[in-house]
Amino acid sequence: MDFSLDELPSSSHSTPKSRHEDSEMPEDHDSSRGMSSSLSITDIQENICSSIDDIRGRVQDLVEEINDSRTSDQKVMDSFEEKLMKKVPEMCQQMKEHMYTVYEENSNKMEVKLQELFEVLERCTKLNTELMEATQALAGLREDLDISQTSEP
């Protein structure tokens, strides 16, 4: 939001003086001189208007400095945003590449483990086959023993 003193109402009417302003005005201790030796009301009003204009000018300068600073801040933020918008896709690409590298490493490790598992399963299958053959051989032997014991009187 930019500020401007153009929106403020003009204050060309006289304002109450502060103590400081009272001390700066020459005092007329000789009442016999009258109005000729003291400042006239017009001179006082001109001095006040001049002071108000000086203050208004300084305030306007400060407002302009604030607005310039805000413009500068906006440029910095825009530059940061632009750099960030360029950096985000780069970082995403790097993350994807890293992710694919990890996938590849994990796939290689899994392949080794799966190969080992298949070898173990193959040995288990062979052992199971041998066990079945041994079981059949024992069953055959038992039958032969049973037959030979029943044949003997």
N, C-alpha and C. Protein backbone atom coordinates (compact mmCIF):
# COMPACT_ATOMS: atom_id res chain seq x y z
N MET A 1 0.85 -1.16 0.00
CA MET A 1 0.00 0.00 0.00
C MET A 1 0.90 1.22 0.00
N ASP A 2 0.72 2.13 -0.94
CA ASP A 2 1.50 3.36 -1.01
C ASP A 2 0.74 4.46 -0.29
N PHE A 3 1.51 5.31 0.34
CA PHE A 3 0.94 6.44 1.05
C PHE A 3 1.19 7.71 0.26
N SER A 4 0.33 8.67 0.46
CA SER A 4 0.53 9.96 -0.17
C SER A 4 -0.11 11.02 0.70
N LEU A 5 0.54 12.16 0.79
CA LEU A 5 -0.03 13.25 1.58
C LEU A 5 -1.10 14.00 0.81
N ASP A 6 -1.22 13.71 -0.45
CA ASP A 6 -2.24 14.38 -1.24
C ASP A 6 -3.63 14.08 -0.70
N GLU A 7 -3.76 12.96 -0.01
CA GLU A 7 -5.06 12.55 0.51
C GLU A 7 -5.39 13.26 1.82
N LEU A 8 -4.39 13.87 2.46
CA LEU A 8 -4.63 14.53 3.75
C LEU A 8 -5.26 15.90 3.52
N PRO A 9 -6.14 16.34 4.44
CA PRO A 9 -6.74 17.65 4.29
C PRO A 9 -5.72 18.75 4.54
N SER A 10 -5.89 19.84 3.87
CA SER A 10 -4.99 20.98 4.03
C SER A 10 -5.28 21.65 5.36
N SER A 11 -4.21 22.13 6.02
CA SER A 11 -4.41 22.80 7.31
C SER A 11 -3.75 24.17 7.26
N SER A 12 -4.35 25.05 6.52
CA SER A 12 -3.78 26.38 6.39
C SER A 12 -4.24 27.32 7.49
N HIS A 13 -5.20 26.87 8.32
CA HIS A 13 -5.61 27.72 9.45
C HIS A 13 -4.59 27.60 10.56
N SER A 14 -4.53 28.56 11.43
CA SER A 14 -3.50 28.57 12.46
C SER A 14 -3.81 27.49 13.49
N THR A 15 -2.73 26.94 14.02
CA THR A 15 -2.85 25.89 15.02
C THR A 15 -2.28 26.39 16.33
N PRO A 16 -2.66 25.79 17.45
CA PRO A 16 -2.12 26.24 18.73
C PRO A 16 -0.61 26.07 18.74
N LYS A 17 0.07 27.01 19.33
CA LYS A 17 1.53 26.99 19.37
C LYS A 17 1.98 26.16 20.56
N SER A 18 3.11 25.51 20.38
CA SER A 18 3.69 24.78 21.49
C SER A 18 4.50 25.74 22.32
N ARG A 19 4.94 25.31 23.46
CA ARG A 19 5.77 26.15 24.31
C ARG A 19 7.02 26.59 23.58
N HIS A 20 7.57 25.68 22.79
CA HIS A 20 8.79 25.97 22.06
C HIS A 20 8.58 27.14 21.10
N GLU A 21 7.44 27.12 20.42
CA GLU A 21 7.17 28.21 19.48
C GLU A 21 6.97 29.52 20.22
N ASP A 22 6.37 29.48 21.42
CA ASP A 22 6.19 30.70 22.21
C ASP A 22 7.52 31.29 22.62
N SER A 23 8.51 30.43 22.92
CA SER A 23 9.79 30.94 23.38
C SER A 23 10.60 31.54 22.23
N GLU A 24 10.31 31.14 21.01
CA GLU A 24 11.05 31.68 19.87
C GLU A 24 10.53 33.05 19.47
N MET A 25 9.32 33.38 19.82
CA MET A 25 8.77 34.67 19.42
C MET A 25 9.29 35.77 20.34
N PRO A 26 9.69 36.88 19.78
CA PRO A 26 10.17 37.99 20.63
C PRO A 26 9.00 38.57 21.43
N GLU A 27 9.28 38.84 22.67
CA GLU A 27 8.24 39.41 23.52
C GLU A 27 8.37 40.93 23.54
N ASP A 28 7.27 41.60 23.65
CA ASP A 28 7.27 43.06 23.67
C ASP A 28 7.04 43.51 25.12
N HIS A 29 8.15 43.89 25.79
CA HIS A 29 8.05 44.32 27.18
C HIS A 29 7.73 45.80 27.28
N ASP A 30 7.91 46.52 26.21
CA ASP A 30 7.65 47.96 26.24
C ASP A 30 6.28 48.20 25.61
N SER A 31 5.27 48.41 26.43
CA SER A 31 3.92 48.57 25.93
C SER A 31 3.71 49.91 25.24
N SER A 32 4.64 50.83 25.41
CA SER A 32 4.48 52.12 24.76
C SER A 32 4.75 52.04 23.27
N ARG A 33 5.48 51.06 22.84
CA ARG A 33 5.75 50.93 21.41
C ARG A 33 4.52 50.44 20.66
N GLY A 34 3.70 49.60 21.26
CA GLY A 34 2.48 49.12 20.62
C GLY A 34 2.77 48.02 19.62
N MET A 35 2.01 47.96 18.60
CA MET A 35 2.06 46.89 17.61
C MET A 35 3.22 47.04 16.63
N SER A 36 3.83 48.17 16.54
CA SER A 36 4.86 48.38 15.54
C SER A 36 6.11 47.57 15.81
N SER A 37 6.45 47.26 17.06
CA SER A 37 7.68 46.52 17.35
C SER A 37 7.45 45.01 17.43
N SER A 38 6.26 44.56 17.56
CA SER A 38 6.01 43.11 17.64
C SER A 38 5.66 42.56 16.25
N LEU A 39 5.74 41.23 16.16
CA LEU A 39 5.37 40.61 14.90
C LEU A 39 3.87 40.74 14.70
N SER A 40 3.48 40.94 13.48
CA SER A 40 2.05 41.04 13.20
C SER A 40 1.44 39.64 13.11
N ILE A 41 0.15 39.56 13.23
CA ILE A 41 -0.58 38.29 13.13
C ILE A 41 -0.30 37.64 11.78
N THR A 42 -0.22 38.42 10.76
CA THR A 42 0.04 37.89 9.42
C THR A 42 1.41 37.24 9.38
N ASP A 43 2.41 37.87 10.00
CA ASP A 43 3.76 37.29 10.03
C ASP A 43 3.76 35.97 10.78
N ILE A 44 3.03 35.92 11.88
CA ILE A 44 2.96 34.69 12.68
C ILE A 44 2.29 33.58 11.86
N GLN A 45 1.19 33.91 11.21
CA GLN A 45 0.49 32.91 10.40
C GLN A 45 1.37 32.43 9.25
N GLU A 46 2.13 33.36 8.65
CA GLU A 46 3.04 32.95 7.58
C GLU A 46 4.13 32.03 8.10
N ASN A 47 4.64 32.32 9.29
CA ASN A 47 5.66 31.45 9.90
C ASN A 47 5.08 30.07 10.19
N ILE A 48 3.86 30.03 10.70
CA ILE A 48 3.21 28.76 11.01
C ILE A 48 2.96 27.98 9.72
N CYS A 49 2.45 28.66 8.72
CA CYS A 49 2.19 27.99 7.44
C CYS A 49 3.49 27.47 6.84
N SER A 50 4.55 28.27 6.95
CA SER A 50 5.85 27.84 6.44
C SER A 50 6.34 26.61 7.20
N SER A 51 6.16 26.60 8.52
CA SER A 51 6.56 25.43 9.33
C SER A 51 5.73 24.21 8.95
N ILE A 52 4.44 24.41 8.78
CA ILE A 52 3.56 23.30 8.39
C ILE A 52 3.97 22.76 7.02
N ASP A 53 4.27 23.67 6.10
CA ASP A 53 4.70 23.24 4.77
C ASP A 53 6.03 22.47 4.85
N ASP A 54 6.95 22.94 5.71
CA ASP A 54 8.22 22.22 5.90
C ASP A 54 7.97 20.81 6.44
N ILE A 55 7.09 20.71 7.43
CA ILE A 55 6.77 19.41 8.02
C ILE A 55 6.10 18.52 6.97
N ARG A 56 5.15 19.10 6.23
CA ARG A 56 4.46 18.35 5.18
C ARG A 56 5.47 17.84 4.15
N GLY A 57 6.44 18.67 3.79
CA GLY A 57 7.47 18.27 2.83
C GLY A 57 8.33 17.14 3.37
N ARG A 58 8.71 17.25 4.65
CA ARG A 58 9.53 16.18 5.24
C ARG A 58 8.74 14.87 5.33
N VAL A 59 7.47 14.97 5.72
CA VAL A 59 6.62 13.78 5.81
C VAL A 59 6.45 13.16 4.42
N GLN A 60 6.22 14.01 3.41
CA GLN A 60 6.06 13.49 2.05
C GLN A 60 7.34 12.78 1.61
N ASP A 61 8.52 13.36 1.95
CA ASP A 61 9.79 12.70 1.63
C ASP A 61 9.90 11.35 2.32
N LEU A 62 9.50 11.28 3.59
CA LEU A 62 9.54 10.00 4.32
C LEU A 62 8.59 8.98 3.69
N VAL A 63 7.41 9.44 3.30
CA VAL A 63 6.45 8.55 2.66
C VAL A 63 7.02 8.03 1.34
N GLU A 64 7.66 8.89 0.59
CA GLU A 64 8.29 8.46 -0.67
C GLU A 64 9.41 7.45 -0.42
N GLU A 65 10.19 7.68 0.65
CA GLU A 65 11.25 6.72 1.00
C GLU A 65 10.64 5.36 1.35
N ILE A 66 9.54 5.38 2.11
CA ILE A 66 8.85 4.13 2.47
C ILE A 66 8.36 3.43 1.20
N ASN A 67 7.74 4.20 0.31
CA ASN A 67 7.23 3.60 -0.94
C ASN A 67 8.38 3.06 -1.80
N ASP A 68 9.50 3.79 -1.86
CA ASP A 68 10.67 3.31 -2.61
C ASP A 68 11.21 2.02 -1.98
N SER A 69 11.25 2.00 -0.65
CA SER A 69 11.71 0.80 0.05
C SER A 69 10.80 -0.39 -0.23
N ARG A 70 9.51 -0.14 -0.25
CA ARG A 70 8.55 -1.21 -0.55
C ARG A 70 8.73 -1.71 -1.98
N THR A 71 8.96 -0.79 -2.90
CA THR A 71 9.20 -1.17 -4.30
C THR A 71 10.46 -2.03 -4.39
N SER A 72 11.49 -1.61 -3.68
CA SER A 72 12.73 -2.38 -3.66
C SER A 72 12.50 -3.77 -3.05
N ASP A 73 11.75 -3.82 -1.95
CA ASP A 73 11.43 -5.11 -1.31
C ASP A 73 10.67 -6.00 -2.29
N GLN A 74 9.75 -5.43 -3.04
CA GLN A 74 8.97 -6.22 -3.99
C GLN A 74 9.88 -6.77 -5.10
N LYS A 75 10.84 -5.97 -5.55
CA LYS A 75 11.78 -6.43 -6.57
C LYS A 75 12.61 -7.59 -6.03
N VAL A 76 13.07 -7.47 -4.77
CA VAL A 76 13.84 -8.55 -4.16
C VAL A 76 13.00 -9.81 -4.07
N MET A 77 11.75 -9.67 -3.63
CA MET A 77 10.85 -10.82 -3.50
C MET A 77 10.57 -11.45 -4.86
N ASP A 78 10.35 -10.63 -5.87
CA ASP A 78 10.11 -11.15 -7.22
C ASP A 78 11.33 -11.92 -7.74
N SER A 79 12.51 -11.37 -7.48
CA SER A 79 13.75 -12.03 -7.90
C SER A 79 13.90 -13.37 -7.17
N PHE A 80 13.62 -13.37 -5.87
CA PHE A 80 13.68 -14.61 -5.09
C PHE A 80 12.70 -15.64 -5.63
N GLU A 81 11.49 -15.19 -5.91
CA GLU A 81 10.47 -16.11 -6.44
C GLU A 81 10.90 -16.69 -7.78
N GLU A 82 11.45 -15.84 -8.63
CA GLU A 82 11.90 -16.30 -9.95
C GLU A 82 13.01 -17.35 -9.81
N LYS A 83 13.97 -17.09 -8.93
CA LYS A 83 15.06 -18.04 -8.71
C LYS A 83 14.52 -19.33 -8.12
N LEU A 84 13.58 -19.21 -7.20
CA LEU A 84 12.98 -20.38 -6.57
C LEU A 84 12.22 -21.22 -7.60
N MET A 85 11.49 -20.54 -8.48
CA MET A 85 10.71 -21.25 -9.50
C MET A 85 11.64 -22.00 -10.47
N LYS A 86 12.84 -21.48 -10.69
CA LYS A 86 13.81 -22.17 -11.54
C LYS A 86 14.44 -23.34 -10.78
N LYS A 87 14.63 -23.15 -9.49
CA LYS A 87 15.32 -24.15 -8.68
C LYS A 87 14.43 -25.36 -8.38
N VAL A 88 13.14 -25.16 -8.22
CA VAL A 88 12.23 -26.25 -7.85
C VAL A 88 12.25 -27.38 -8.89
N PRO A 89 12.10 -27.09 -10.19
CA PRO A 89 12.16 -28.20 -11.16
C PRO A 89 13.53 -28.91 -11.15
N GLU A 90 14.60 -28.15 -10.96
CA GLU A 90 15.93 -28.77 -10.89
C GLU A 90 16.01 -29.73 -9.71
N MET A 91 15.52 -29.29 -8.57
CA MET A 91 15.55 -30.14 -7.38
C MET A 91 14.66 -31.36 -7.56
N CYS A 92 13.51 -31.18 -8.17
CA CYS A 92 12.63 -32.33 -8.43
C CYS A 92 13.32 -33.34 -9.34
N GLN A 93 13.99 -32.86 -10.36
CA GLN A 93 14.70 -33.76 -11.28
C GLN A 93 15.81 -34.50 -10.54
N GLN A 94 16.55 -33.80 -9.68
CA GLN A 94 17.60 -34.45 -8.91
C GLN A 94 17.02 -35.50 -7.98
N MET A 95 15.88 -35.20 -7.37
CA MET A 95 15.23 -36.16 -6.47
C MET A 95 14.78 -37.39 -7.25
N LYS A 96 14.22 -37.17 -8.44
CA LYS A 96 13.79 -38.30 -9.27
C LYS A 96 14.99 -39.18 -9.63
N GLU A 97 16.07 -38.54 -10.04
CA GLU A 97 17.27 -39.29 -10.42
C GLU A 97 17.79 -40.09 -9.23
N HIS A 98 17.79 -39.47 -8.07
CA HIS A 98 18.24 -40.18 -6.87
C HIS A 98 17.30 -41.35 -6.56
N MET A 99 16.01 -41.09 -6.70
CA MET A 99 15.01 -42.13 -6.44
C MET A 99 15.24 -43.31 -7.38
N TYR A 100 15.48 -43.05 -8.66
CA TYR A 100 15.71 -44.12 -9.63
C TYR A 100 17.01 -44.87 -9.32
N THR A 101 18.01 -44.14 -8.86
CA THR A 101 19.26 -44.79 -8.46
C THR A 101 19.02 -45.74 -7.29
N VAL A 102 18.25 -45.28 -6.31
CA VAL A 102 17.92 -46.13 -5.17
C VAL A 102 17.10 -47.33 -5.62
N TYR A 103 16.14 -47.11 -6.54
CA TYR A 103 15.36 -48.23 -7.08
C TYR A 103 16.28 -49.26 -7.71
N GLU A 104 17.23 -48.79 -8.51
CA GLU A 104 18.15 -49.69 -9.21
C GLU A 104 18.98 -50.48 -8.20
N GLU A 105 19.52 -49.79 -7.20
CA GLU A 105 20.32 -50.48 -6.18
C GLU A 105 19.47 -51.51 -5.45
N ASN A 106 18.25 -51.14 -5.07
CA ASN A 106 17.36 -52.07 -4.37
C ASN A 106 16.99 -53.25 -5.27
N SER A 107 16.76 -52.98 -6.55
CA SER A 107 16.43 -54.06 -7.49
C SER A 107 17.58 -55.05 -7.59
N ASN A 108 18.80 -54.53 -7.66
CA ASN A 108 19.97 -55.42 -7.75
C ASN A 108 20.09 -56.28 -6.48
N LYS A 109 19.90 -55.64 -5.32
CA LYS A 109 19.97 -56.39 -4.06
C LYS A 109 18.86 -57.43 -3.99
N MET A 110 17.65 -57.04 -4.41
CA MET A 110 16.53 -57.98 -4.39
C MET A 110 16.77 -59.14 -5.35
N GLU A 111 17.36 -58.86 -6.50
CA GLU A 111 17.64 -59.91 -7.47
C GLU A 111 18.60 -60.94 -6.88
N VAL A 112 19.63 -60.47 -6.18
CA VAL A 112 20.58 -61.38 -5.54
C VAL A 112 19.85 -62.23 -4.49
N LYS A 113 19.04 -61.58 -3.66
CA LYS A 113 18.31 -62.29 -2.61
C LYS A 113 17.30 -63.28 -3.21
N LEU A 114 16.62 -62.87 -4.26
CA LEU A 114 15.67 -63.77 -4.91
C LEU A 114 16.38 -64.98 -5.52
N GLN A 115 17.54 -64.74 -6.12
CA GLN A 115 18.33 -65.85 -6.68
C GLN A 115 18.70 -66.83 -5.57
N GLU A 116 19.15 -66.30 -4.44
CA GLU A 116 19.48 -67.16 -3.30
C GLU A 116 18.25 -67.93 -2.83
N LEU A 117 17.09 -67.26 -2.78
CA LEU A 117 15.84 -67.91 -2.36
C LEU A 117 15.47 -69.04 -3.32
N PHE A 118 15.59 -68.79 -4.64
CA PHE A 118 15.25 -69.82 -5.62
C PHE A 118 16.20 -71.03 -5.49
N GLU A 119 17.47 -70.76 -5.21
CA GLU A 119 18.42 -71.85 -5.02
C GLU A 119 18.04 -72.68 -3.79
N VAL A 120 17.66 -72.01 -2.70
CA VAL A 120 17.24 -72.71 -1.48
C VAL A 120 15.97 -73.51 -1.77
N LEU A 121 15.02 -72.90 -2.48
CA LEU A 121 13.78 -73.62 -2.80
C LEU A 121 14.06 -74.84 -3.69
N GLU A 122 15.01 -74.70 -4.62
CA GLU A 122 15.38 -75.82 -5.49
C GLU A 122 15.98 -76.95 -4.66
N ARG A 123 16.85 -76.62 -3.71
CA ARG A 123 17.43 -77.65 -2.83
C ARG A 123 16.34 -78.31 -1.99
N CYS A 124 15.39 -77.48 -1.51
CA CYS A 124 14.27 -78.03 -0.73
C CYS A 124 13.46 -79.01 -1.57
N THR A 125 13.23 -78.65 -2.84
CA THR A 125 12.48 -79.53 -3.74
C THR A 125 13.23 -80.85 -3.94
N LYS A 126 14.54 -80.79 -4.14
CA LYS A 126 15.35 -82.01 -4.31
C LYS A 126 15.30 -82.86 -3.04
N LEU A 127 15.46 -82.19 -1.89
CA LEU A 127 15.42 -82.93 -0.62
C LEU A 127 14.05 -83.57 -0.40
N ASN A 128 13.01 -82.84 -0.78
CA ASN A 128 11.66 -83.38 -0.64
C ASN A 128 11.48 -84.60 -1.55
N THR A 129 12.02 -84.51 -2.76
CA THR A 129 11.94 -85.64 -3.69
C THR A 129 12.70 -86.84 -3.13
N GLU A 130 13.90 -86.61 -2.60
CA GLU A 130 14.70 -87.68 -2.01
C GLU A 130 13.97 -88.29 -0.80
N LEU A 131 13.35 -87.41 0.00
CA LEU A 131 12.61 -87.89 1.18
C LEU A 131 11.43 -88.75 0.75
N MET A 132 10.74 -88.35 -0.31
CA MET A 132 9.60 -89.14 -0.82
C MET A 132 10.09 -90.50 -1.33
N GLU A 133 11.22 -90.48 -2.03
CA GLU A 133 11.78 -91.73 -2.53
C GLU A 133 12.17 -92.64 -1.37
N ALA A 134 12.78 -92.03 -0.34
CA ALA A 134 13.17 -92.83 0.84
C ALA A 134 11.94 -93.36 1.54
N THR A 135 10.89 -92.57 1.62
CA THR A 135 9.65 -93.00 2.25
C THR A 135 9.05 -94.16 1.47
N GLN A 136 9.04 -94.07 0.16
CA GLN A 136 8.51 -95.16 -0.67
C GLN A 136 9.36 -96.42 -0.52
N ALA A 137 10.67 -96.21 -0.44
CA ALA A 137 11.56 -97.37 -0.28
C ALA A 137 11.30 -98.06 1.05
N LEU A 138 11.12 -97.27 2.10
CA LEU A 138 10.82 -97.85 3.42
C LEU A 138 9.46 -98.52 3.43
N ALA A 139 8.50 -97.92 2.75
CA ALA A 139 7.17 -98.52 2.68
C ALA A 139 7.25 -99.84 1.93
N GLY A 140 8.01 -99.89 0.87
CA GLY A 140 8.20 -101.12 0.11
C GLY A 140 8.89 -102.18 0.97
N LEU A 141 9.88 -101.75 1.72
CA LEU A 141 10.60 -102.66 2.60
C LEU A 141 9.68 -103.22 3.68
N ARG A 142 8.84 -102.37 4.23
CA ARG A 142 7.90 -102.81 5.25
C ARG A 142 6.93 -103.84 4.65
N GLU A 143 6.46 -103.55 3.46
CA GLU A 143 5.54 -104.51 2.82
C GLU A 143 6.22 -105.86 2.62
N ASP A 144 7.47 -105.80 2.18
CA ASP A 144 8.22 -107.03 1.98
C ASP A 144 8.40 -107.79 3.29
N LEU A 145 8.64 -107.04 4.36
CA LEU A 145 8.81 -107.67 5.67
C LEU A 145 7.48 -108.26 6.15
N ASP A 146 6.42 -107.53 5.92
CA ASP A 146 5.12 -108.04 6.33
C ASP A 146 4.75 -109.29 5.54
N ILE A 147 5.06 -109.31 4.29
CA ILE A 147 4.74 -110.45 3.43
C ILE A 147 5.58 -111.67 3.86
N SER A 148 6.83 -111.42 4.15
CA SER A 148 7.68 -112.55 4.52
C SER A 148 7.30 -113.06 5.89
N GLN A 149 6.78 -112.27 6.77
CA GLN A 149 6.39 -112.76 8.09
C GLN A 149 5.05 -113.49 8.00
N THR A 150 4.18 -113.13 7.15
CA THR A 150 2.92 -113.84 7.00
C THR A 150 3.11 -115.13 6.22
N SER A 151 4.13 -115.23 5.41
CA SER A 151 4.38 -116.45 4.64
C SER A 151 5.00 -117.52 5.55
N GLU A 152 5.64 -117.17 6.55
CA GLU A 152 6.27 -118.14 7.43
C GLU A 152 5.24 -118.64 8.43
N PRO A 153 5.14 -119.94 8.57
CA PRO A 153 4.19 -120.50 9.56
C PRO A 153 4.78 -120.68 10.91
